[in-house]
Amino acid sequence: MRPQELYAQVGMTHEALSGIVDQVRQLVAGAEVWDRRALTVDDSSVITPAEAADAVAEELRACADALDLAIGHAEAAWSAASRIGDGG
């Protein structure tokens, strides 16, 4: 893959990651508004429904944060790739 092709691919990857992080943040928002009193967990669970719901939101938030970090790295690679040519 030539540098110019890589630049375009990194740009598409950045765009895709940005869309995914938006979706994950929407999932977080959805989980945060669950009525904790109406939730149940299976009988073998060692945590309460509220704790389970909090864990879902917390893990999704961590996922979104990790994706934000990945987006930052993609932006840095995209910027660096924009400066590379191969004479072709």
PDB file of N, CA and C in Angstrom:
ATOM      1  N   MET A   1       0.849  -1.167   0.000  1.00  0.00           N
ATOM      2  CA  MET A   1       0.000   0.000   0.000  1.00  0.00           C
ATOM      3  C   MET A   1       0.900   1.236   0.000  1.00  0.00           C
ATOM      4  N   ARG A   2       0.619   2.121  -0.917  1.00  0.00           N
ATOM      5  CA  ARG A   2       1.400   3.360  -1.004  1.00  0.00           C
ATOM      6  C   ARG A   2       0.967   4.335   0.088  1.00  0.00           C
ATOM      7  N   PRO A   3       1.856   5.295   0.432  1.00  0.00           N
ATOM      8  CA  PRO A   3       1.519   6.252   1.490  1.00  0.00           C
ATOM      9  C   PRO A   3       0.207   6.999   1.243  1.00  0.00           C
ATOM     10  N   GLN A   4      -0.046   7.365  -0.002  1.00  0.00           N
ATOM     11  CA  GLN A   4      -1.277   8.096  -0.304  1.00  0.00           C
ATOM     12  C   GLN A   4      -2.508   7.214  -0.055  1.00  0.00           C
ATOM     13  N   GLU A   5      -2.375   5.922  -0.348  1.00  0.00           N
ATOM     14  CA  GLU A   5      -3.480   4.994  -0.109  1.00  0.00           C
ATOM     15  C   GLU A   5      -3.690   4.787   1.396  1.00  0.00           C
ATOM     16  N   LEU A   6      -2.582   4.694   2.118  1.00  0.00           N
ATOM     17  CA  LEU A   6      -2.668   4.534   3.562  1.00  0.00           C
ATOM     18  C   LEU A   6      -3.345   5.745   4.184  1.00  0.00           C
ATOM     19  N   TYR A   7      -3.001   6.927   3.718  1.00  0.00           N
ATOM     20  CA  TYR A   7      -3.603   8.160   4.232  1.00  0.00           C
ATOM     21  C   TYR A   7      -5.126   8.088   4.116  1.00  0.00           C
ATOM     22  N   ALA A   8      -5.604   7.680   2.964  1.00  0.00           N
ATOM     23  CA  ALA A   8      -7.051   7.586   2.746  1.00  0.00           C
ATOM     24  C   ALA A   8      -7.672   6.526   3.654  1.00  0.00           C
ATOM     25  N   GLN A   9      -7.000   5.393   3.811  1.00  0.00           N
ATOM     26  CA  GLN A   9      -7.515   4.324   4.669  1.00  0.00           C
ATOM     27  C   GLN A   9      -7.568   4.753   6.136  1.00  0.00           C
ATOM     28  N   VAL A  10      -6.540   5.466   6.588  1.00  0.00           N
ATOM     29  CA  VAL A  10      -6.533   5.951   7.969  1.00  0.00           C
ATOM     30  C   VAL A  10      -7.674   6.949   8.165  1.00  0.00           C
ATOM     31  N   GLY A  11      -7.917   7.781   7.175  1.00  0.00           N
ATOM     32  CA  GLY A  11      -9.036   8.722   7.259  1.00  0.00           C
ATOM     33  C   GLY A  11     -10.369   8.008   7.388  1.00  0.00           C
ATOM     34  N   MET A  12     -10.564   6.946   6.612  1.00  0.00           N
ATOM     35  CA  MET A  12     -11.808   6.180   6.708  1.00  0.00           C
ATOM     36  C   MET A  12     -11.913   5.478   8.061  1.00  0.00           C
ATOM     37  N   THR A  13     -10.779   4.983   8.565  1.00  0.00           N
ATOM     38  CA  THR A  13     -10.770   4.332   9.875  1.00  0.00           C
ATOM     39  C   THR A  13     -11.134   5.331  10.966  1.00  0.00           C
ATOM     40  N   HIS A  14     -10.585   6.525  10.875  1.00  0.00           N
ATOM     41  CA  HIS A  14     -10.906   7.585  11.841  1.00  0.00           C
ATOM     42  C   HIS A  14     -12.402   7.882  11.825  1.00  0.00           C
ATOM     43  N   GLU A  15     -12.955   7.992  10.645  1.00  0.00           N
ATOM     44  CA  GLU A  15     -14.382   8.280  10.514  1.00  0.00           C
ATOM     45  C   GLU A  15     -15.223   7.151  11.110  1.00  0.00           C
ATOM     46  N   ALA A  16     -14.827   5.910  10.835  1.00  0.00           N
ATOM     47  CA  ALA A  16     -15.567   4.765  11.365  1.00  0.00           C
ATOM     48  C   ALA A  16     -15.492   4.720  12.891  1.00  0.00           C
ATOM     49  N   LEU A  17     -14.308   4.938  13.445  1.00  0.00           N
ATOM     50  CA  LEU A  17     -14.154   4.940  14.902  1.00  0.00           C
ATOM     51  C   LEU A  17     -14.994   6.037  15.544  1.00  0.00           C
ATOM     52  N   SER A  18     -15.035   7.193  14.909  1.00  0.00           N
ATOM     53  CA  SER A  18     -15.832   8.300  15.443  1.00  0.00           C
ATOM     54  C   SER A  18     -17.308   7.932  15.493  1.00  0.00           C
ATOM     55  N   GLY A  19     -17.779   7.252  14.459  1.00  0.00           N
ATOM     56  CA  GLY A  19     -19.171   6.806  14.445  1.00  0.00           C
ATOM     57  C   GLY A  19     -19.450   5.771  15.520  1.00  0.00           C
ATOM     58  N   ILE A  20     -18.503   4.866  15.726  1.00  0.00           N
ATOM     59  CA  ILE A  20     -18.677   3.830  16.741  1.00  0.00           C
ATOM     60  C   ILE A  20     -18.699   4.440  18.135  1.00  0.00           C
ATOM     61  N   VAL A  21     -17.795   5.382  18.409  1.00  0.00           N
ATOM     62  CA  VAL A  21     -17.782   5.985  19.749  1.00  0.00           C
ATOM     63  C   VAL A  21     -19.082   6.739  20.004  1.00  0.00           C
ATOM     64  N   ASP A  22     -19.645   7.354  18.990  1.00  0.00           N
ATOM     65  CA  ASP A  22     -20.944   8.023  19.148  1.00  0.00           C
ATOM     66  C   ASP A  22     -22.028   7.010  19.519  1.00  0.00           C
ATOM     67  N   GLN A  23     -22.008   5.852  18.855  1.00  0.00           N
ATOM     68  CA  GLN A  23     -22.988   4.808  19.152  1.00  0.00           C
ATOM     69  C   GLN A  23     -22.830   4.294  20.579  1.00  0.00           C
ATOM     70  N   VAL A  24     -21.589   4.092  21.007  1.00  0.00           N
ATOM     71  CA  VAL A  24     -21.351   3.596  22.362  1.00  0.00           C
ATOM     72  C   VAL A  24     -21.818   4.622  23.388  1.00  0.00           C
ATOM     73  N   ARG A  25     -21.573   5.896  23.126  1.00  0.00           N
ATOM     74  CA  ARG A  25     -22.031   6.934  24.063  1.00  0.00           C
ATOM     75  C   ARG A  25     -23.569   6.967  24.130  1.00  0.00           C
ATOM     76  N   GLN A  26     -24.227   6.668  23.020  1.00  0.00           N
ATOM     77  CA  GLN A  26     -25.689   6.579  23.043  1.00  0.00           C
ATOM     78  C   GLN A  26     -26.144   5.388  23.884  1.00  0.00           C
ATOM     79  N   LEU A  27     -25.394   4.285  23.807  1.00  0.00           N
ATOM     80  CA  LEU A  27     -25.709   3.126  24.643  1.00  0.00           C
ATOM     81  C   LEU A  27     -25.555   3.466  26.124  1.00  0.00           C
ATOM     82  N   VAL A  28     -24.505   4.206  26.446  1.00  0.00           N
ATOM     83  CA  VAL A  28     -24.297   4.646  27.833  1.00  0.00           C
ATOM     84  C   VAL A  28     -25.496   5.465  28.294  1.00  0.00           C
ATOM     85  N   ALA A  29     -25.891   6.420  27.476  1.00  0.00           N
ATOM     86  CA  ALA A  29     -27.024   7.279  27.838  1.00  0.00           C
ATOM     87  C   ALA A  29     -28.288   6.451  28.057  1.00  0.00           C
ATOM     88  N   GLY A  30     -28.484   5.449  27.227  1.00  0.00           N
ATOM     89  CA  GLY A  30     -29.649   4.583  27.392  1.00  0.00           C
ATOM     90  C   GLY A  30     -29.600   3.791  28.686  1.00  0.00           C
ATOM     91  N   ALA A  31     -28.433   3.261  29.011  1.00  0.00           N
ATOM     92  CA  ALA A  31     -28.288   2.465  30.235  1.00  0.00           C
ATOM     93  C   ALA A  31     -28.434   3.325  31.486  1.00  0.00           C
ATOM     94  N   GLU A  32     -28.053   4.572  31.387  1.00  0.00           N
ATOM     95  CA  GLU A  32     -28.116   5.456  32.553  1.00  0.00           C
ATOM     96  C   GLU A  32     -29.544   5.816  32.958  1.00  0.00           C
ATOM     97  N   VAL A  33     -30.487   5.673  32.055  1.00  0.00           N
ATOM     98  CA  VAL A  33     -31.864   6.062  32.377  1.00  0.00           C
ATOM     99  C   VAL A  33     -32.770   4.869  32.697  1.00  0.00           C
ATOM    100  N   TRP A  34     -32.192   3.667  32.757  1.00  0.00           N
ATOM    101  CA  TRP A  34     -33.003   2.515  33.140  1.00  0.00           C
ATOM    102  C   TRP A  34     -33.586   2.740  34.528  1.00  0.00           C
ATOM    103  N   ASP A  35     -34.798   2.313  34.722  1.00  0.00           N
ATOM    104  CA  ASP A  35     -35.431   2.360  36.044  1.00  0.00           C
ATOM    105  C   ASP A  35     -34.867   1.201  36.859  1.00  0.00           C
ATOM    106  N   ARG A  36     -33.944   1.504  37.746  1.00  0.00           N
ATOM    107  CA  ARG A  36     -33.254   0.466  38.524  1.00  0.00           C
ATOM    108  C   ARG A  36     -34.236  -0.383  39.343  1.00  0.00           C
ATOM    109  N   ARG A  37     -35.342   0.205  39.769  1.00  0.00           N
ATOM    110  CA  ARG A  37     -36.327  -0.530  40.578  1.00  0.00           C
ATOM    111  C   ARG A  37     -37.074  -1.577  39.763  1.00  0.00           C
ATOM    112  N   ALA A  38     -37.140  -1.398  38.452  1.00  0.00           N
ATOM    113  CA  ALA A  38     -37.887  -2.325  37.602  1.00  0.00           C
ATOM    114  C   ALA A  38     -37.017  -3.464  37.067  1.00  0.00           C
ATOM    115  N   LEU A  39     -35.721  -3.400  37.287  1.00  0.00           N
ATOM    116  CA  LEU A  39     -34.810  -4.406  36.751  1.00  0.00           C
ATOM    117  C   LEU A  39     -34.739  -5.631  37.658  1.00  0.00           C
ATOM    118  N   THR A  40     -34.424  -6.752  37.050  1.00  0.00           N
ATOM    119  CA  THR A  40     -34.192  -7.983  37.805  1.00  0.00           C
ATOM    120  C   THR A  40     -32.899  -8.615  37.314  1.00  0.00           C
ATOM    121  N   VAL A  41     -32.352  -9.502  38.111  1.00  0.00           N
ATOM    122  CA  VAL A  41     -31.195 -10.303  37.705  1.00  0.00           C
ATOM    123  C   VAL A  41     -31.538 -11.759  37.975  1.00  0.00           C
ATOM    124  N   ASP A  42     -30.798 -12.679  37.355  1.00  0.00           N
ATOM    125  CA  ASP A  42     -31.100 -14.090  37.583  1.00  0.00           C
ATOM    126  C   ASP A  42     -30.770 -14.481  39.027  1.00  0.00           C
ATOM    127  N   ASP A  43     -31.373 -15.552  39.467  1.00  0.00           N
ATOM    128  CA  ASP A  43     -31.261 -15.976  40.868  1.00  0.00           C
ATOM    129  C   ASP A  43     -29.834 -16.266  41.307  1.00  0.00           C
ATOM    130  N   SER A  44     -28.974 -16.642  40.384  1.00  0.00           N
ATOM    131  CA  SER A  44     -27.597 -16.984  40.750  1.00  0.00           C
ATOM    132  C   SER A  44     -26.691 -15.758  40.846  1.00  0.00           C
ATOM    133  N   SER A  45     -27.208 -14.595  40.526  1.00  0.00           N
ATOM    134  CA  SER A  45     -26.399 -13.377  40.526  1.00  0.00           C
ATOM    135  C   SER A  45     -26.031 -12.969  41.946  1.00  0.00           C
ATOM    136  N   VAL A  46     -24.791 -12.497  42.087  1.00  0.00           N
ATOM    137  CA  VAL A  46     -24.326 -12.037  43.402  1.00  0.00           C
ATOM    138  C   VAL A  46     -24.382 -10.515  43.515  1.00  0.00           C
ATOM    139  N   ILE A  47     -24.888  -9.858  42.483  1.00  0.00           N
ATOM    140  CA  ILE A  47     -25.025  -8.403  42.525  1.00  0.00           C
ATOM    141  C   ILE A  47     -26.489  -8.029  42.335  1.00  0.00           C
ATOM    142  N   THR A  48     -26.815  -6.852  42.788  1.00  0.00           N
ATOM    143  CA  THR A  48     -28.193  -6.371  42.672  1.00  0.00           C
ATOM    144  C   THR A  48     -28.462  -5.889  41.248  1.00  0.00           C
ATOM    145  N   PRO A  49     -29.717  -5.745  40.890  1.00  0.00           N
ATOM    146  CA  PRO A  49     -30.031  -5.188  39.573  1.00  0.00           C
ATOM    147  C   PRO A  49     -29.403  -3.809  39.360  1.00  0.00           C
ATOM    148  N   ALA A  50     -29.428  -2.973  40.382  1.00  0.00           N
ATOM    149  CA  ALA A  50     -28.842  -1.634  40.253  1.00  0.00           C
ATOM    150  C   ALA A  50     -27.338  -1.724  40.025  1.00  0.00           C
ATOM    151  N   GLU A  51     -26.676  -2.636  40.741  1.00  0.00           N
ATOM    152  CA  GLU A  51     -25.232  -2.808  40.550  1.00  0.00           C
ATOM    153  C   GLU A  51     -24.927  -3.321  39.149  1.00  0.00           C
ATOM    154  N   ALA A  52     -25.751  -4.233  38.660  1.00  0.00           N
ATOM    155  CA  ALA A  52     -25.557  -4.756  37.305  1.00  0.00           C
ATOM    156  C   ALA A  52     -25.737  -3.648  36.274  1.00  0.00           C
ATOM    157  N   ALA A  53     -26.768  -2.836  36.451  1.00  0.00           N
ATOM    158  CA  ALA A  53     -27.006  -1.728  35.520  1.00  0.00           C
ATOM    159  C   ALA A  53     -25.868  -0.722  35.572  1.00  0.00           C
ATOM    160  N   ASP A  54     -25.389  -0.433  36.783  1.00  0.00           N
ATOM    161  CA  ASP A  54     -24.251   0.481  36.920  1.00  0.00           C
ATOM    162  C   ASP A  54     -23.014  -0.081  36.231  1.00  0.00           C
ATOM    163  N   ALA A  55     -22.813  -1.396  36.347  1.00  0.00           N
ATOM    164  CA  ALA A  55     -21.664  -2.033  35.702  1.00  0.00           C
ATOM    165  C   ALA A  55     -21.757  -1.932  34.183  1.00  0.00           C
ATOM    166  N   VAL A  56     -22.956  -2.107  33.648  1.00  0.00           N
ATOM    167  CA  VAL A  56     -23.146  -1.973  32.199  1.00  0.00           C
ATOM    168  C   VAL A  56     -22.748  -0.572  31.752  1.00  0.00           C
ATOM    169  N   ALA A  57     -23.279   0.433  32.427  1.00  0.00           N
ATOM    170  CA  ALA A  57     -22.978   1.818  32.048  1.00  0.00           C
ATOM    171  C   ALA A  57     -21.492   2.119  32.213  1.00  0.00           C
ATOM    172  N   GLU A  58     -20.899   1.639  33.310  1.00  0.00           N
ATOM    173  CA  GLU A  58     -19.479   1.899  33.562  1.00  0.00           C
ATOM    174  C   GLU A  58     -18.589   1.256  32.501  1.00  0.00           C
ATOM    175  N   GLU A  59     -18.886   0.014  32.146  1.00  0.00           N
ATOM    176  CA  GLU A  59     -18.070  -0.671  31.137  1.00  0.00           C
ATOM    177  C   GLU A  59     -18.238  -0.036  29.759  1.00  0.00           C
ATOM    178  N   LEU A  60     -19.451   0.369  29.426  1.00  0.00           N
ATOM    179  CA  LEU A  60     -19.658   1.052  28.146  1.00  0.00           C
ATOM    180  C   LEU A  60     -18.934   2.396  28.124  1.00  0.00           C
ATOM    181  N   ARG A  61     -18.946   3.103  29.254  1.00  0.00           N
ATOM    182  CA  ARG A  61     -18.214   4.366  29.353  1.00  0.00           C
ATOM    183  C   ARG A  61     -16.719   4.131  29.144  1.00  0.00           C
ATOM    184  N   ALA A  62     -16.187   3.066  29.750  1.00  0.00           N
ATOM    185  CA  ALA A  62     -14.771   2.730  29.578  1.00  0.00           C
ATOM    186  C   ALA A  62     -14.473   2.382  28.122  1.00  0.00           C
ATOM    187  N   CYS A  63     -15.397   1.702  27.473  1.00  0.00           N
ATOM    188  CA  CYS A  63     -15.241   1.379  26.053  1.00  0.00           C
ATOM    189  C   CYS A  63     -15.177   2.653  25.223  1.00  0.00           C
ATOM    190  N   ALA A  64     -16.072   3.586  25.484  1.00  0.00           N
ATOM    191  CA  ALA A  64     -16.078   4.856  24.749  1.00  0.00           C
ATOM    192  C   ALA A  64     -14.789   5.630  24.989  1.00  0.00           C
ATOM    193  N   ASP A  65     -14.305   5.620  26.229  1.00  0.00           N
ATOM    194  CA  ASP A  65     -13.053   6.314  26.532  1.00  0.00           C
ATOM    195  C   ASP A  65     -11.880   5.690  25.781  1.00  0.00           C
ATOM    196  N   ALA A  66     -11.855   4.358  25.715  1.00  0.00           N
ATOM    197  CA  ALA A  66     -10.789   3.671  24.980  1.00  0.00           C
ATOM    198  C   ALA A  66     -10.868   3.989  23.489  1.00  0.00           C
ATOM    199  N   LEU A  67     -12.072   4.063  22.966  1.00  0.00           N
ATOM    200  CA  LEU A  67     -12.237   4.427  21.558  1.00  0.00           C
ATOM    201  C   LEU A  67     -11.787   5.860  21.304  1.00  0.00           C
ATOM    202  N   ASP A  68     -12.056   6.758  22.252  1.00  0.00           N
ATOM    203  CA  ASP A  68     -11.558   8.132  22.117  1.00  0.00           C
ATOM    204  C   ASP A  68     -10.037   8.147  22.026  1.00  0.00           C
ATOM    205  N   LEU A  69      -9.390   7.317  22.835  1.00  0.00           N
ATOM    206  CA  LEU A  69      -7.931   7.215  22.782  1.00  0.00           C
ATOM    207  C   LEU A  69      -7.483   6.677  21.421  1.00  0.00           C
ATOM    208  N   ALA A  70      -8.173   5.660  20.928  1.00  0.00           N
ATOM    209  CA  ALA A  70      -7.848   5.103  19.614  1.00  0.00           C
ATOM    210  C   ALA A  70      -8.026   6.149  18.516  1.00  0.00           C
ATOM    211  N   ILE A  71      -9.063   6.963  18.632  1.00  0.00           N
ATOM    212  CA  ILE A  71      -9.292   8.026  17.652  1.00  0.00           C
ATOM    213  C   ILE A  71      -8.130   9.009  17.666  1.00  0.00           C
ATOM    214  N   GLY A  72      -7.642   9.344  18.847  1.00  0.00           N
ATOM    215  CA  GLY A  72      -6.485  10.238  18.950  1.00  0.00           C
ATOM    216  C   GLY A  72      -5.268   9.669  18.247  1.00  0.00           C
ATOM    217  N   HIS A  73      -5.044   8.369  18.413  1.00  0.00           N
ATOM    218  CA  HIS A  73      -3.915   7.733  17.731  1.00  0.00           C
ATOM    219  C   HIS A  73      -4.130   7.715  16.214  1.00  0.00           C
ATOM    220  N   ALA A  74      -5.355   7.455  15.792  1.00  0.00           N
ATOM    221  CA  ALA A  74      -5.651   7.472  14.357  1.00  0.00           C
ATOM    222  C   ALA A  74      -5.434   8.865  13.781  1.00  0.00           C
ATOM    223  N   GLU A  75      -5.826   9.895  14.531  1.00  0.00           N
ATOM    224  CA  GLU A  75      -5.605  11.271  14.070  1.00  0.00           C
ATOM    225  C   GLU A  75      -4.117  11.571  13.938  1.00  0.00           C
ATOM    226  N   ALA A  76      -3.324  11.105  14.893  1.00  0.00           N
ATOM    227  CA  ALA A  76      -1.875  11.328  14.828  1.00  0.00           C
ATOM    228  C   ALA A  76      -1.270  10.606  13.631  1.00  0.00           C
ATOM    229  N   ALA A  77      -1.704   9.379  13.392  1.00  0.00           N
ATOM    230  CA  ALA A  77      -1.202   8.633  12.233  1.00  0.00           C
ATOM    231  C   ALA A  77      -1.638   9.294  10.939  1.00  0.00           C
ATOM    232  N   TRP A  78      -2.861   9.762  10.897  1.00  0.00           N
ATOM    233  CA  TRP A  78      -3.398  10.434   9.722  1.00  0.00           C
ATOM    234  C   TRP A  78      -2.585  11.688   9.429  1.00  0.00           C
ATOM    235  N   SER A  79      -2.294  12.453  10.456  1.00  0.00           N
ATOM    236  CA  SER A  79      -1.498  13.668  10.290  1.00  0.00           C
ATOM    237  C   SER A  79      -0.099  13.341   9.781  1.00  0.00           C
ATOM    238  N   ALA A  80       0.527  12.340  10.385  1.00  0.00           N
ATOM    239  CA  ALA A  80       1.875  11.954   9.953  1.00  0.00           C
ATOM    240  C   ALA A  80       1.861  11.427   8.521  1.00  0.00           C
ATOM    241  N   ALA A  81       0.851  10.645   8.182  1.00  0.00           N
ATOM    242  CA  ALA A  81       0.771  10.084   6.833  1.00  0.00           C
ATOM    243  C   ALA A  81       0.578  11.165   5.781  1.00  0.00           C
ATOM    244  N   SER A  82      -0.018  12.280   6.166  1.00  0.00           N
ATOM    245  CA  SER A  82      -0.253  13.350   5.199  1.00  0.00           C
ATOM    246  C   SER A  82       1.048  13.987   4.729  1.00  0.00           C
ATOM    247  N   ARG A  83       2.120  13.757   5.450  1.00  0.00           N
ATOM    248  CA  ARG A  83       3.409  14.365   5.120  1.00  0.00           C
ATOM    249  C   ARG A  83       4.326  13.439   4.323  1.00  0.00           C
ATOM    250  N   ILE A  84       3.863  12.234   4.059  1.00  0.00           N
ATOM    251  CA  ILE A  84       4.711  11.236   3.405  1.00  0.00           C
ATOM    252  C   ILE A  84       4.358  11.131   1.928  1.00  0.00           C
ATOM    253  N   GLY A  85       5.365  11.074   1.114  1.00  0.00           N
ATOM    254  CA  GLY A  85       5.201  10.802  -0.308  1.00  0.00           C
ATOM    255  C   GLY A  85       6.192   9.731  -0.714  1.00  0.00           C
ATOM    256  N   ASP A  86       5.950   9.092  -1.836  1.00  0.00           N
ATOM    257  CA  ASP A  86       6.886   8.065  -2.297  1.00  0.00           C
ATOM    258  C   ASP A  86       7.379   8.333  -3.712  1.00  0.00           C
ATOM    259  N   GLY A  87       7.167   9.537  -4.168  1.00  0.00           N
ATOM    260  CA  GLY A  87       7.645   9.905  -5.495  1.00  0.00           C
ATOM    261  C   GLY A  87       6.844   9.290  -6.622  1.00  0.00           C
ATOM    262  N   GLY A  88       5.745   8.632  -6.297  1.00  0.00           N
ATOM    263  CA  GLY A  88       4.952   7.949  -7.310  1.00  0.00           C
ATOM    264  C   GLY A  88       3.776   8.675  -7.665  1.00  0.00           C
TER     265      GLY A  88
END
